[in-house]
Structures are given as structure tokens and as C-alpha cells.
Amino acid sequence: PEDTALYYCGARTTYYTGYYYYLED
């Protein structure tokens, strides 16, 4: 039940295809 939420997909332009990002900004 705590997973209940509006889920958003985000994209970040990157030249480093091995990186991930976890900050909203």
C-alpha cells in the first residue's frame, strides 16, 4: 500500500552512457 503514488518518468541528457542519476534536479 505504501507504493501508492503518482509515478513519473524522467530523462536526463548525458554524454556518459554508463551513468545513472538519482536526484530530481
mmCIF file of all heavy atoms, coordinates in Angstrom:
data_MODEL
# 
_entry.id   MODEL 
# 
loop_
_atom_site.group_PDB 
_atom_site.id 
_atom_site.type_symbol 
_atom_site.label_atom_id 
_atom_site.label_alt_id 
_atom_site.label_comp_id 
_atom_site.label_asym_id 
_atom_site.label_entity_id 
_atom_site.label_seq_id 
_atom_site.pdbx_PDB_ins_code 
_atom_site.Cartn_x 
_atom_site.Cartn_y 
_atom_site.Cartn_z 
_atom_site.occupancy 
_atom_site.B_iso_or_equiv 
_atom_site.pdbx_formal_charge 
_atom_site.auth_seq_id 
_atom_site.auth_comp_id 
_atom_site.auth_asym_id 
_atom_site.auth_atom_id 
_atom_site.pdbx_PDB_model_num 
ATOM 1   N N   . PRO A 1 1  ? 0.816  -1.228 0.000   1.00 0.00 ? 1  PRO A N   1 
ATOM 2   C CA  . PRO A 1 1  ? 0.000  0.000  0.000   1.00 0.00 ? 1  PRO A CA  1 
ATOM 3   C C   . PRO A 1 1  ? 0.848  1.276  0.000   1.00 0.00 ? 1  PRO A C   1 
ATOM 4   O O   . PRO A 1 1  ? 0.446  2.275  -0.610  1.00 0.00 ? 1  PRO A O   1 
ATOM 5   C CB  . PRO A 1 1  ? -0.808 -0.137 1.291   1.00 0.00 ? 1  PRO A CB  1 
ATOM 6   C CG  . PRO A 1 1  ? -0.948 -1.611 1.485   1.00 0.00 ? 1  PRO A CG  1 
ATOM 7   C CD  . PRO A 1 1  ? 0.362  -2.182 1.021   1.00 0.00 ? 1  PRO A CD  1 
ATOM 8   N N   . GLU A 1 2  ? 2.006  1.240  0.616   1.00 0.00 ? 2  GLU A N   1 
ATOM 9   C CA  . GLU A 1 2  ? 2.866  2.427  0.643   1.00 0.00 ? 2  GLU A CA  1 
ATOM 10  C C   . GLU A 1 2  ? 3.514  2.737  -0.701  1.00 0.00 ? 2  GLU A C   1 
ATOM 11  O O   . GLU A 1 2  ? 4.166  3.769  -0.845  1.00 0.00 ? 2  GLU A O   1 
ATOM 12  C CB  . GLU A 1 2  ? 3.953  2.301  1.726   1.00 0.00 ? 2  GLU A CB  1 
ATOM 13  C CG  . GLU A 1 2  ? 4.729  1.006  1.692   1.00 0.00 ? 2  GLU A CG  1 
ATOM 14  C CD  . GLU A 1 2  ? 4.183  -0.019 2.667   1.00 0.00 ? 2  GLU A CD  1 
ATOM 15  O OE1 . GLU A 1 2  ? 2.930  -0.187 2.742   1.00 0.00 ? 2  GLU A OE1 1 
ATOM 16  O OE2 . GLU A 1 2  ? 5.000  -0.675 3.343   1.00 0.00 ? 2  GLU A OE2 1 
ATOM 17  N N   . ASP A 1 3  ? 3.346  1.865  -1.677  1.00 0.00 ? 3  ASP A N   1 
ATOM 18  C CA  . ASP A 1 3  ? 3.807  2.148  -3.034  1.00 0.00 ? 3  ASP A CA  1 
ATOM 19  C C   . ASP A 1 3  ? 2.797  3.007  -3.807  1.00 0.00 ? 3  ASP A C   1 
ATOM 20  O O   . ASP A 1 3  ? 3.087  3.440  -4.930  1.00 0.00 ? 3  ASP A O   1 
ATOM 21  C CB  . ASP A 1 3  ? 4.043  0.859  -3.814  1.00 0.00 ? 3  ASP A CB  1 
ATOM 22  C CG  . ASP A 1 3  ? 5.194  0.035  -3.254  1.00 0.00 ? 3  ASP A CG  1 
ATOM 23  O OD1 . ASP A 1 3  ? 6.231  0.630  -2.898  1.00 0.00 ? 3  ASP A OD1 1 
ATOM 24  O OD2 . ASP A 1 3  ? 5.043  -1.194 -3.169  1.00 0.00 ? 3  ASP A OD2 1 
ATOM 25  N N   . THR A 1 4  ? 1.634  3.243  -3.228  1.00 0.00 ? 4  THR A N   1 
ATOM 26  C CA  . THR A 1 4  ? 0.615  4.059  -3.872  1.00 0.00 ? 4  THR A CA  1 
ATOM 27  C C   . THR A 1 4  ? 1.127  5.470  -4.099  1.00 0.00 ? 4  THR A C   1 
ATOM 28  O O   . THR A 1 4  ? 1.588  6.134  -3.167  1.00 0.00 ? 4  THR A O   1 
ATOM 29  C CB  . THR A 1 4  ? -0.657 4.102  -3.022  1.00 0.00 ? 4  THR A CB  1 
ATOM 30  O OG1 . THR A 1 4  ? -1.220 2.785  -2.955  1.00 0.00 ? 4  THR A OG1 1 
ATOM 31  C CG2 . THR A 1 4  ? -1.680 5.061  -3.607  1.00 0.00 ? 4  THR A CG2 1 
ATOM 32  N N   . ALA A 1 5  ? 1.104  5.903  -5.363  1.00 0.00 ? 5  ALA A N   1 
ATOM 33  C CA  . ALA A 1 5  ? 1.628  7.230  -5.711  1.00 0.00 ? 5  ALA A CA  1 
ATOM 34  C C   . ALA A 1 5  ? 1.392  7.480  -7.190  1.00 0.00 ? 5  ALA A C   1 
ATOM 35  O O   . ALA A 1 5  ? 1.040  6.563  -7.948  1.00 0.00 ? 5  ALA A O   1 
ATOM 36  C CB  . ALA A 1 5  ? 3.121  7.321  -5.401  1.00 0.00 ? 5  ALA A CB  1 
ATOM 37  N N   . LEU A 1 6  ? 1.657  8.706  -7.579  1.00 0.00 ? 6  LEU A N   1 
ATOM 38  C CA  . LEU A 1 6  ? 1.732  9.065  -8.996  1.00 0.00 ? 6  LEU A CA  1 
ATOM 39  C C   . LEU A 1 6  ? 3.184  8.868  -9.419  1.00 0.00 ? 6  LEU A C   1 
ATOM 40  O O   . LEU A 1 6  ? 4.085  9.460  -8.816  1.00 0.00 ? 6  LEU A O   1 
ATOM 41  C CB  . LEU A 1 6  ? 1.290  10.512 -9.198  1.00 0.00 ? 6  LEU A CB  1 
ATOM 42  C CG  . LEU A 1 6  ? 1.128  11.004 -10.629 1.00 0.00 ? 6  LEU A CG  1 
ATOM 43  C CD1 . LEU A 1 6  ? 0.078  10.188 -11.369 1.00 0.00 ? 6  LEU A CD1 1 
ATOM 44  C CD2 . LEU A 1 6  ? 0.731  12.475 -10.619 1.00 0.00 ? 6  LEU A CD2 1 
ATOM 45  N N   . TYR A 1 7  ? 3.396  8.016  -10.400 1.00 0.00 ? 7  TYR A N   1 
ATOM 46  C CA  . TYR A 1 7  ? 4.741  7.667  -10.830 1.00 0.00 ? 7  TYR A CA  1 
ATOM 47  C C   . TYR A 1 7  ? 5.116  8.460  -12.083 1.00 0.00 ? 7  TYR A C   1 
ATOM 48  O O   . TYR A 1 7  ? 4.383  8.464  -13.069 1.00 0.00 ? 7  TYR A O   1 
ATOM 49  C CB  . TYR A 1 7  ? 4.834  6.168  -11.115 1.00 0.00 ? 7  TYR A CB  1 
ATOM 50  C CG  . TYR A 1 7  ? 4.944  5.333  -9.863  1.00 0.00 ? 7  TYR A CG  1 
ATOM 51  C CD1 . TYR A 1 7  ? 3.857  5.215  -9.002  1.00 0.00 ? 7  TYR A CD1 1 
ATOM 52  C CD2 . TYR A 1 7  ? 6.120  4.688  -9.532  1.00 0.00 ? 7  TYR A CD2 1 
ATOM 53  C CE1 . TYR A 1 7  ? 3.954  4.465  -7.838  1.00 0.00 ? 7  TYR A CE1 1 
ATOM 54  C CE2 . TYR A 1 7  ? 6.225  3.934  -8.374  1.00 0.00 ? 7  TYR A CE2 1 
ATOM 55  C CZ  . TYR A 1 7  ? 5.141  3.831  -7.536  1.00 0.00 ? 7  TYR A CZ  1 
ATOM 56  O OH  . TYR A 1 7  ? 5.243  3.090  -6.384  1.00 0.00 ? 7  TYR A OH  1 
ATOM 57  N N   . TYR A 1 8  ? 6.290  9.087  -12.019 1.00 0.00 ? 8  TYR A N   1 
ATOM 58  C CA  . TYR A 1 8  ? 6.779  9.921  -13.108 1.00 0.00 ? 8  TYR A CA  1 
ATOM 59  C C   . TYR A 1 8  ? 8.041  9.320  -13.724 1.00 0.00 ? 8  TYR A C   1 
ATOM 60  O O   . TYR A 1 8  ? 8.932  8.867  -13.009 1.00 0.00 ? 8  TYR A O   1 
ATOM 61  C CB  . TYR A 1 8  ? 7.125  11.313 -12.603 1.00 0.00 ? 8  TYR A CB  1 
ATOM 62  C CG  . TYR A 1 8  ? 5.969  12.129 -12.104 1.00 0.00 ? 8  TYR A CG  1 
ATOM 63  C CD1 . TYR A 1 8  ? 5.617  12.121 -10.762 1.00 0.00 ? 8  TYR A CD1 1 
ATOM 64  C CD2 . TYR A 1 8  ? 5.234  12.929 -12.977 1.00 0.00 ? 8  TYR A CD2 1 
ATOM 65  C CE1 . TYR A 1 8  ? 4.568  12.879 -10.293 1.00 0.00 ? 8  TYR A CE1 1 
ATOM 66  C CE2 . TYR A 1 8  ? 4.184  13.697 -12.510 1.00 0.00 ? 8  TYR A CE2 1 
ATOM 67  C CZ  . TYR A 1 8  ? 3.852  13.665 -11.172 1.00 0.00 ? 8  TYR A CZ  1 
ATOM 68  O OH  . TYR A 1 8  ? 2.806  14.426 -10.716 1.00 0.00 ? 8  TYR A OH  1 
ATOM 69  N N   . CYS A 1 9  ? 8.102  9.383  -15.023 1.00 0.00 ? 9  CYS A N   1 
ATOM 70  C CA  . CYS A 1 9  ? 9.299  9.012  -15.761 1.00 0.00 ? 9  CYS A CA  1 
ATOM 71  C C   . CYS A 1 9  ? 10.096 10.280 -16.058 1.00 0.00 ? 9  CYS A C   1 
ATOM 72  O O   . CYS A 1 9  ? 9.522  11.297 -16.461 1.00 0.00 ? 9  CYS A O   1 
ATOM 73  C CB  . CYS A 1 9  ? 8.877  8.330  -17.066 1.00 0.00 ? 9  CYS A CB  1 
ATOM 74  S SG  . CYS A 1 9  ? 10.211 7.949  -18.197 1.00 0.00 ? 9  CYS A SG  1 
ATOM 75  N N   . GLY A 1 10 ? 11.406 10.222 -15.846 1.00 0.00 ? 10 GLY A N   1 
ATOM 76  C CA  . GLY A 1 10 ? 12.252 11.364 -16.120 1.00 0.00 ? 10 GLY A CA  1 
ATOM 77  C C   . GLY A 1 10 ? 13.399 10.980 -17.050 1.00 0.00 ? 10 GLY A C   1 
ATOM 78  O O   . GLY A 1 10 ? 13.831 9.822  -17.085 1.00 0.00 ? 10 GLY A O   1 
ATOM 79  N N   . ALA A 1 11 ? 13.894 11.978 -17.769 1.00 0.00 ? 11 ALA A N   1 
ATOM 80  C CA  . ALA A 1 11 ? 15.025 11.767 -18.677 1.00 0.00 ? 11 ALA A CA  1 
ATOM 81  C C   . ALA A 1 11 ? 16.044 12.870 -18.473 1.00 0.00 ? 11 ALA A C   1 
ATOM 82  O O   . ALA A 1 11 ? 15.688 14.031 -18.246 1.00 0.00 ? 11 ALA A O   1 
ATOM 83  C CB  . ALA A 1 11 ? 14.554 11.752 -20.134 1.00 0.00 ? 11 ALA A CB  1 
ATOM 84  N N   . ARG A 1 12 ? 17.306 12.476 -18.562 1.00 0.00 ? 12 ARG A N   1 
ATOM 85  C CA  . ARG A 1 12 ? 18.373 13.451 -18.428 1.00 0.00 ? 12 ARG A CA  1 
ATOM 86  C C   . ARG A 1 12 ? 19.350 13.262 -19.583 1.00 0.00 ? 12 ARG A C   1 
ATOM 87  O O   . ARG A 1 12 ? 19.844 12.146 -19.821 1.00 0.00 ? 12 ARG A O   1 
ATOM 88  C CB  . ARG A 1 12 ? 19.115 13.284 -17.111 1.00 0.00 ? 12 ARG A CB  1 
ATOM 89  C CG  . ARG A 1 12 ? 20.281 14.282 -16.979 1.00 0.00 ? 12 ARG A CG  1 
ATOM 90  C CD  . ARG A 1 12 ? 21.442 13.723 -16.210 1.00 0.00 ? 12 ARG A CD  1 
ATOM 91  N NE  . ARG A 1 12 ? 22.681 14.396 -16.479 1.00 0.00 ? 12 ARG A NE  1 
ATOM 92  C CZ  . ARG A 1 12 ? 23.106 15.464 -15.817 1.00 0.00 ? 12 ARG A CZ  1 
ATOM 93  N NH1 . ARG A 1 12 ? 22.374 15.984 -14.837 1.00 0.00 ? 12 ARG A NH1 1 
ATOM 94  N NH2 . ARG A 1 12 ? 24.259 16.010 -16.117 1.00 0.00 ? 12 ARG A NH2 1 
ATOM 95  N N   . THR A 1 13 ? 19.616 14.343 -20.299 1.00 0.00 ? 13 THR A N   1 
ATOM 96  C CA  . THR A 1 13 ? 20.601 14.306 -21.367 1.00 0.00 ? 13 THR A CA  1 
ATOM 97  C C   . THR A 1 13 ? 21.967 14.003 -20.780 1.00 0.00 ? 13 THR A C   1 
ATOM 98  O O   . THR A 1 13 ? 22.353 14.591 -19.770 1.00 0.00 ? 13 THR A O   1 
ATOM 99  C CB  . THR A 1 13 ? 20.652 15.662 -22.089 1.00 0.00 ? 13 THR A CB  1 
ATOM 100 O OG1 . THR A 1 13 ? 19.333 16.036 -22.483 1.00 0.00 ? 13 THR A OG1 1 
ATOM 101 C CG2 . THR A 1 13 ? 21.535 15.573 -23.314 1.00 0.00 ? 13 THR A CG2 1 
ATOM 102 N N   . THR A 1 14 ? 22.681 13.077 -21.390 1.00 0.00 ? 14 THR A N   1 
ATOM 103 C CA  . THR A 1 14 ? 24.009 12.726 -20.886 1.00 0.00 ? 14 THR A CA  1 
ATOM 104 C C   . THR A 1 14 ? 24.910 12.257 -22.011 1.00 0.00 ? 14 THR A C   1 
ATOM 105 O O   . THR A 1 14 ? 24.464 11.605 -22.951 1.00 0.00 ? 14 THR A O   1 
ATOM 106 C CB  . THR A 1 14 ? 23.913 11.634 -19.810 1.00 0.00 ? 14 THR A CB  1 
ATOM 107 O OG1 . THR A 1 14 ? 25.233 11.329 -19.333 1.00 0.00 ? 14 THR A OG1 1 
ATOM 108 C CG2 . THR A 1 14 ? 23.299 10.351 -20.374 1.00 0.00 ? 14 THR A CG2 1 
ATOM 109 N N   . TYR A 1 15 ? 26.180 12.614 -21.910 1.00 0.00 ? 15 TYR A N   1 
ATOM 110 C CA  . TYR A 1 15 ? 27.187 12.100 -22.838 1.00 0.00 ? 15 TYR A CA  1 
ATOM 111 C C   . TYR A 1 15 ? 27.845 10.837 -22.280 1.00 0.00 ? 15 TYR A C   1 
ATOM 112 O O   . TYR A 1 15 ? 28.573 10.142 -22.993 1.00 0.00 ? 15 TYR A O   1 
ATOM 113 C CB  . TYR A 1 15 ? 28.245 13.158 -23.104 1.00 0.00 ? 15 TYR A CB  1 
ATOM 114 C CG  . TYR A 1 15 ? 27.706 14.350 -23.855 1.00 0.00 ? 15 TYR A CG  1 
ATOM 115 C CD1 . TYR A 1 15 ? 27.405 15.535 -23.203 1.00 0.00 ? 15 TYR A CD1 1 
ATOM 116 C CD2 . TYR A 1 15 ? 27.476 14.280 -25.228 1.00 0.00 ? 15 TYR A CD2 1 
ATOM 117 C CE1 . TYR A 1 15 ? 26.898 16.621 -23.889 1.00 0.00 ? 15 TYR A CE1 1 
ATOM 118 C CE2 . TYR A 1 15 ? 26.974 15.359 -25.921 1.00 0.00 ? 15 TYR A CE2 1 
ATOM 119 C CZ  . TYR A 1 15 ? 26.679 16.534 -25.245 1.00 0.00 ? 15 TYR A CZ  1 
ATOM 120 O OH  . TYR A 1 15 ? 26.174 17.597 -25.927 1.00 0.00 ? 15 TYR A OH  1 
ATOM 121 N N   . TYR A 1 16 ? 27.581 10.571 -21.014 1.00 0.00 ? 16 TYR A N   1 
ATOM 122 C CA  . TYR A 1 16 ? 28.211 9.436  -20.347 1.00 0.00 ? 16 TYR A CA  1 
ATOM 123 C C   . TYR A 1 16 ? 27.174 8.333  -20.193 1.00 0.00 ? 16 TYR A C   1 
ATOM 124 O O   . TYR A 1 16 ? 26.405 8.302  -19.230 1.00 0.00 ? 16 TYR A O   1 
ATOM 125 C CB  . TYR A 1 16 ? 28.751 9.870  -18.986 1.00 0.00 ? 16 TYR A CB  1 
ATOM 126 C CG  . TYR A 1 16 ? 29.676 11.052 -19.085 1.00 0.00 ? 16 TYR A CG  1 
ATOM 127 C CD1 . TYR A 1 16 ? 29.246 12.322 -18.722 1.00 0.00 ? 16 TYR A CD1 1 
ATOM 128 C CD2 . TYR A 1 16 ? 30.967 10.899 -19.567 1.00 0.00 ? 16 TYR A CD2 1 
ATOM 129 C CE1 . TYR A 1 16 ? 30.084 13.412 -18.835 1.00 0.00 ? 16 TYR A CE1 1 
ATOM 130 C CE2 . TYR A 1 16 ? 31.818 11.984 -19.677 1.00 0.00 ? 16 TYR A CE2 1 
ATOM 131 C CZ  . TYR A 1 16 ? 31.371 13.236 -19.317 1.00 0.00 ? 16 TYR A CZ  1 
ATOM 132 O OH  . TYR A 1 16 ? 32.199 14.315 -19.429 1.00 0.00 ? 16 TYR A OH  1 
ATOM 133 N N   . THR A 1 17 ? 27.125 7.437  -21.138 1.00 0.00 ? 17 THR A N   1 
ATOM 134 C CA  . THR A 1 17 ? 26.042 6.453  -21.196 1.00 0.00 ? 17 THR A CA  1 
ATOM 135 C C   . THR A 1 17 ? 26.115 5.412  -20.095 1.00 0.00 ? 17 THR A C   1 
ATOM 136 O O   . THR A 1 17 ? 25.206 4.604  -19.952 1.00 0.00 ? 17 THR A O   1 
ATOM 137 C CB  . THR A 1 17 ? 26.028 5.754  -22.561 1.00 0.00 ? 17 THR A CB  1 
ATOM 138 O OG1 . THR A 1 17 ? 27.296 5.128  -22.768 1.00 0.00 ? 17 THR A OG1 1 
ATOM 139 C CG2 . THR A 1 17 ? 25.744 6.740  -23.676 1.00 0.00 ? 17 THR A CG2 1 
ATOM 140 N N   . GLY A 1 18 ? 27.201 5.427  -19.314 1.00 0.00 ? 18 GLY A N   1 
ATOM 141 C CA  . GLY A 1 18 ? 27.308 4.492  -18.205 1.00 0.00 ? 18 GLY A CA  1 
ATOM 142 C C   . GLY A 1 18 ? 26.826 5.043  -16.883 1.00 0.00 ? 18 GLY A C   1 
ATOM 143 O O   . GLY A 1 18 ? 26.821 4.341  -15.876 1.00 0.00 ? 18 GLY A O   1 
ATOM 144 N N   . TYR A 1 19 ? 26.385 6.288  -16.867 1.00 0.00 ? 19 TYR A N   1 
ATOM 145 C CA  . TYR A 1 19 ? 25.989 6.942  -15.629 1.00 0.00 ? 19 TYR A CA  1 
ATOM 146 C C   . TYR A 1 19 ? 24.475 6.873  -15.423 1.00 0.00 ? 19 TYR A C   1 
ATOM 147 O O   . TYR A 1 19 ? 23.711 6.956  -16.383 1.00 0.00 ? 19 TYR A O   1 
ATOM 148 C CB  . TYR A 1 19 ? 26.392 8.406  -15.648 1.00 0.00 ? 19 TYR A CB  1 
ATOM 149 C CG  . TYR A 1 19 ? 27.866 8.678  -15.456 1.00 0.00 ? 19 TYR A CG  1 
ATOM 150 C CD1 . TYR A 1 19 ? 28.814 7.669  -15.557 1.00 0.00 ? 19 TYR A CD1 1 
ATOM 151 C CD2 . TYR A 1 19 ? 28.321 9.955  -15.190 1.00 0.00 ? 19 TYR A CD2 1 
ATOM 152 C CE1 . TYR A 1 19 ? 30.165 7.930  -15.408 1.00 0.00 ? 19 TYR A CE1 1 
ATOM 153 C CE2 . TYR A 1 19 ? 29.672 10.238 -15.037 1.00 0.00 ? 19 TYR A CE2 1 
ATOM 154 C CZ  . TYR A 1 19 ? 30.588 9.214  -15.147 1.00 0.00 ? 19 TYR A CZ  1 
ATOM 155 O OH  . TYR A 1 19 ? 31.922 9.491  -14.984 1.00 0.00 ? 19 TYR A OH  1 
ATOM 156 N N   . TYR A 1 20 ? 24.064 6.797  -14.165 1.00 0.00 ? 20 TYR A N   1 
ATOM 157 C CA  . TYR A 1 20 ? 22.665 6.990  -13.802 1.00 0.00 ? 20 TYR A CA  1 
ATOM 158 C C   . TYR A 1 20 ? 22.597 8.176  -12.847 1.00 0.00 ? 20 TYR A C   1 
ATOM 159 O O   . TYR A 1 20 ? 23.606 8.601  -12.291 1.00 0.00 ? 20 TYR A O   1 
ATOM 160 C CB  . TYR A 1 20 ? 22.059 5.736  -13.167 1.00 0.00 ? 20 TYR A CB  1 
ATOM 161 C CG  . TYR A 1 20 ? 22.824 5.206  -11.981 1.00 0.00 ? 20 TYR A CG  1 
ATOM 162 C CD1 . TYR A 1 20 ? 22.786 5.842  -10.747 1.00 0.00 ? 20 TYR A CD1 1 
ATOM 163 C CD2 . TYR A 1 20 ? 23.597 4.046  -12.106 1.00 0.00 ? 20 TYR A CD2 1 
ATOM 164 C CE1 . TYR A 1 20 ? 23.495 5.355  -9.665  1.00 0.00 ? 20 TYR A CE1 1 
ATOM 165 C CE2 . TYR A 1 20 ? 24.308 3.556  -11.022 1.00 0.00 ? 20 TYR A CE2 1 
ATOM 166 C CZ  . TYR A 1 20 ? 24.252 4.211  -9.813  1.00 0.00 ? 20 TYR A CZ  1 
ATOM 167 O OH  . TYR A 1 20 ? 24.961 3.723  -8.747  1.00 0.00 ? 20 TYR A OH  1 
ATOM 168 N N   . TYR A 1 21 ? 21.386 8.683  -12.643 1.00 0.00 ? 21 TYR A N   1 
ATOM 169 C CA  . TYR A 1 21 ? 21.196 9.869  -11.803 1.00 0.00 ? 21 TYR A CA  1 
ATOM 170 C C   . TYR A 1 21 ? 19.995 9.626  -10.897 1.00 0.00 ? 21 TYR A C   1 
ATOM 171 O O   . TYR A 1 21 ? 18.989 9.081  -11.339 1.00 0.00 ? 21 TYR A O   1 
ATOM 172 C CB  . TYR A 1 21 ? 20.975 11.100 -12.675 1.00 0.00 ? 21 TYR A CB  1 
ATOM 173 C CG  . TYR A 1 21 ? 22.120 11.344 -13.628 1.00 0.00 ? 21 TYR A CG  1 
ATOM 174 C CD1 . TYR A 1 21 ? 22.144 10.743 -14.876 1.00 0.00 ? 21 TYR A CD1 1 
ATOM 175 C CD2 . TYR A 1 21 ? 23.184 12.155 -13.257 1.00 0.00 ? 21 TYR A CD2 1 
ATOM 176 C CE1 . TYR A 1 21 ? 23.204 10.949 -15.737 1.00 0.00 ? 21 TYR A CE1 1 
ATOM 177 C CE2 . TYR A 1 21 ? 24.252 12.365 -14.116 1.00 0.00 ? 21 TYR A CE2 1 
ATOM 178 C CZ  . TYR A 1 21 ? 24.263 11.747 -15.360 1.00 0.00 ? 21 TYR A CZ  1 
ATOM 179 O OH  . TYR A 1 21 ? 25.314 11.938 -16.208 1.00 0.00 ? 21 TYR A OH  1 
ATOM 180 N N   . TYR A 1 22 ? 20.105 10.045 -9.643  1.00 0.00 ? 22 TYR A N   1 
ATOM 181 C CA  . TYR A 1 22 ? 19.024 9.777  -8.700  1.00 0.00 ? 22 TYR A CA  1 
ATOM 182 C C   . TYR A 1 22 ? 18.500 11.019 -7.998  1.00 0.00 ? 22 TYR A C   1 
ATOM 183 O O   . TYR A 1 22 ? 17.632 10.915 -7.125  1.00 0.00 ? 22 TYR A O   1 
ATOM 184 C CB  . TYR A 1 22 ? 19.458 8.730  -7.671  1.00 0.00 ? 22 TYR A CB  1 
ATOM 185 C CG  . TYR A 1 22 ? 20.706 9.083  -6.917  1.00 0.00 ? 22 TYR A CG  1 
ATOM 186 C CD1 . TYR A 1 22 ? 20.633 9.833  -5.749  1.00 0.00 ? 22 TYR A CD1 1 
ATOM 187 C CD2 . TYR A 1 22 ? 21.951 8.660  -7.364  1.00 0.00 ? 22 TYR A CD2 1 
ATOM 188 C CE1 . TYR A 1 22 ? 21.776 10.160 -5.053  1.00 0.00 ? 22 TYR A CE1 1 
ATOM 189 C CE2 . TYR A 1 22 ? 23.105 8.986  -6.672  1.00 0.00 ? 22 TYR A CE2 1 
ATOM 190 C CZ  . TYR A 1 22 ? 23.014 9.733  -5.514  1.00 0.00 ? 22 TYR A CZ  1 
ATOM 191 O OH  . TYR A 1 22 ? 24.138 10.054 -4.826  1.00 0.00 ? 22 TYR A OH  1 
ATOM 192 N N   . LEU A 1 23 ? 18.986 12.174 -8.378  1.00 0.00 ? 23 LEU A N   1 
ATOM 193 C CA  . LEU A 1 23 ? 18.471 13.416 -7.820  1.00 0.00 ? 23 LEU A CA  1 
ATOM 194 C C   . LEU A 1 23 ? 17.479 14.036 -8.798  1.00 0.00 ? 23 LEU A C   1 
ATOM 195 O O   . LEU A 1 23 ? 17.757 14.150 -9.991  1.00 0.00 ? 23 LEU A O   1 
ATOM 196 C CB  . LEU A 1 23 ? 19.611 14.392 -7.537  1.00 0.00 ? 23 LEU A CB  1 
ATOM 197 C CG  . LEU A 1 23 ? 20.634 13.930 -6.511  1.00 0.00 ? 23 LEU A CG  1 
ATOM 198 C CD1 . LEU A 1 23 ? 21.723 14.976 -6.343  1.00 0.00 ? 23 LEU A CD1 1 
ATOM 199 C CD2 . LEU A 1 23 ? 19.967 13.639 -5.175  1.00 0.00 ? 23 LEU A CD2 1 
ATOM 200 N N   . GLU A 1 24 ? 16.346 14.461 -8.273  1.00 0.00 ? 24 GLU A N   1 
ATOM 201 C CA  . GLU A 1 24 ? 15.289 15.014 -9.104  1.00 0.00 ? 24 GLU A CA  1 
ATOM 202 C C   . GLU A 1 24 ? 15.791 16.191 -9.938  1.00 0.00 ? 24 GLU A C   1 
ATOM 203 O O   . GLU A 1 24 ? 15.438 16.316 -11.122 1.00 0.00 ? 24 GLU A O   1 
ATOM 204 C CB  . GLU A 1 24 ? 14.127 15.456 -8.211  1.00 0.00 ? 24 GLU A CB  1 
ATOM 205 C CG  . GLU A 1 24 ? 12.913 15.961 -8.960  1.00 0.00 ? 24 GLU A CG  1 
ATOM 206 C CD  . GLU A 1 24 ? 11.788 16.337 -8.012  1.00 0.00 ? 24 GLU A CD  1 
ATOM 207 O OE1 . GLU A 1 24 ? 11.898 16.067 -6.805  1.00 0.00 ? 24 GLU A OE1 1 
ATOM 208 O OE2 . GLU A 1 24 ? 10.785 16.906 -8.502  1.00 0.00 ? 24 GLU A OE2 1 
ATOM 209 N N   . ASP A 1 25 ? 16.604 17.040 -9.359  1.00 0.00 ? 25 ASP A N   1 
ATOM 210 C CA  . ASP A 1 25 ? 17.067 18.242 -10.053 1.00 0.00 ? 25 ASP A CA  1 
ATOM 211 C C   . ASP A 1 25 ? 17.988 17.935 -11.226 1.00 0.00 ? 25 ASP A C   1 
ATOM 212 O O   . ASP A 1 25 ? 18.261 18.812 -12.046 1.00 0.00 ? 25 ASP A O   1 
ATOM 213 C CB  . ASP A 1 25 ? 17.802 19.164 -9.070  1.00 0.00 ? 25 ASP A CB  1 
ATOM 214 C CG  . ASP A 1 25 ? 16.865 19.782 -8.062  1.00 0.00 ? 25 ASP A CG  1 
ATOM 215 O OD1 . ASP A 1 25 ? 15.641 19.689 -8.268  1.00 0.00 ? 25 ASP A OD1 1 
ATOM 216 O OD2 . ASP A 1 25 ? 17.345 20.340 -7.064  1.00 0.00 ? 25 ASP A OD2 1 
# 
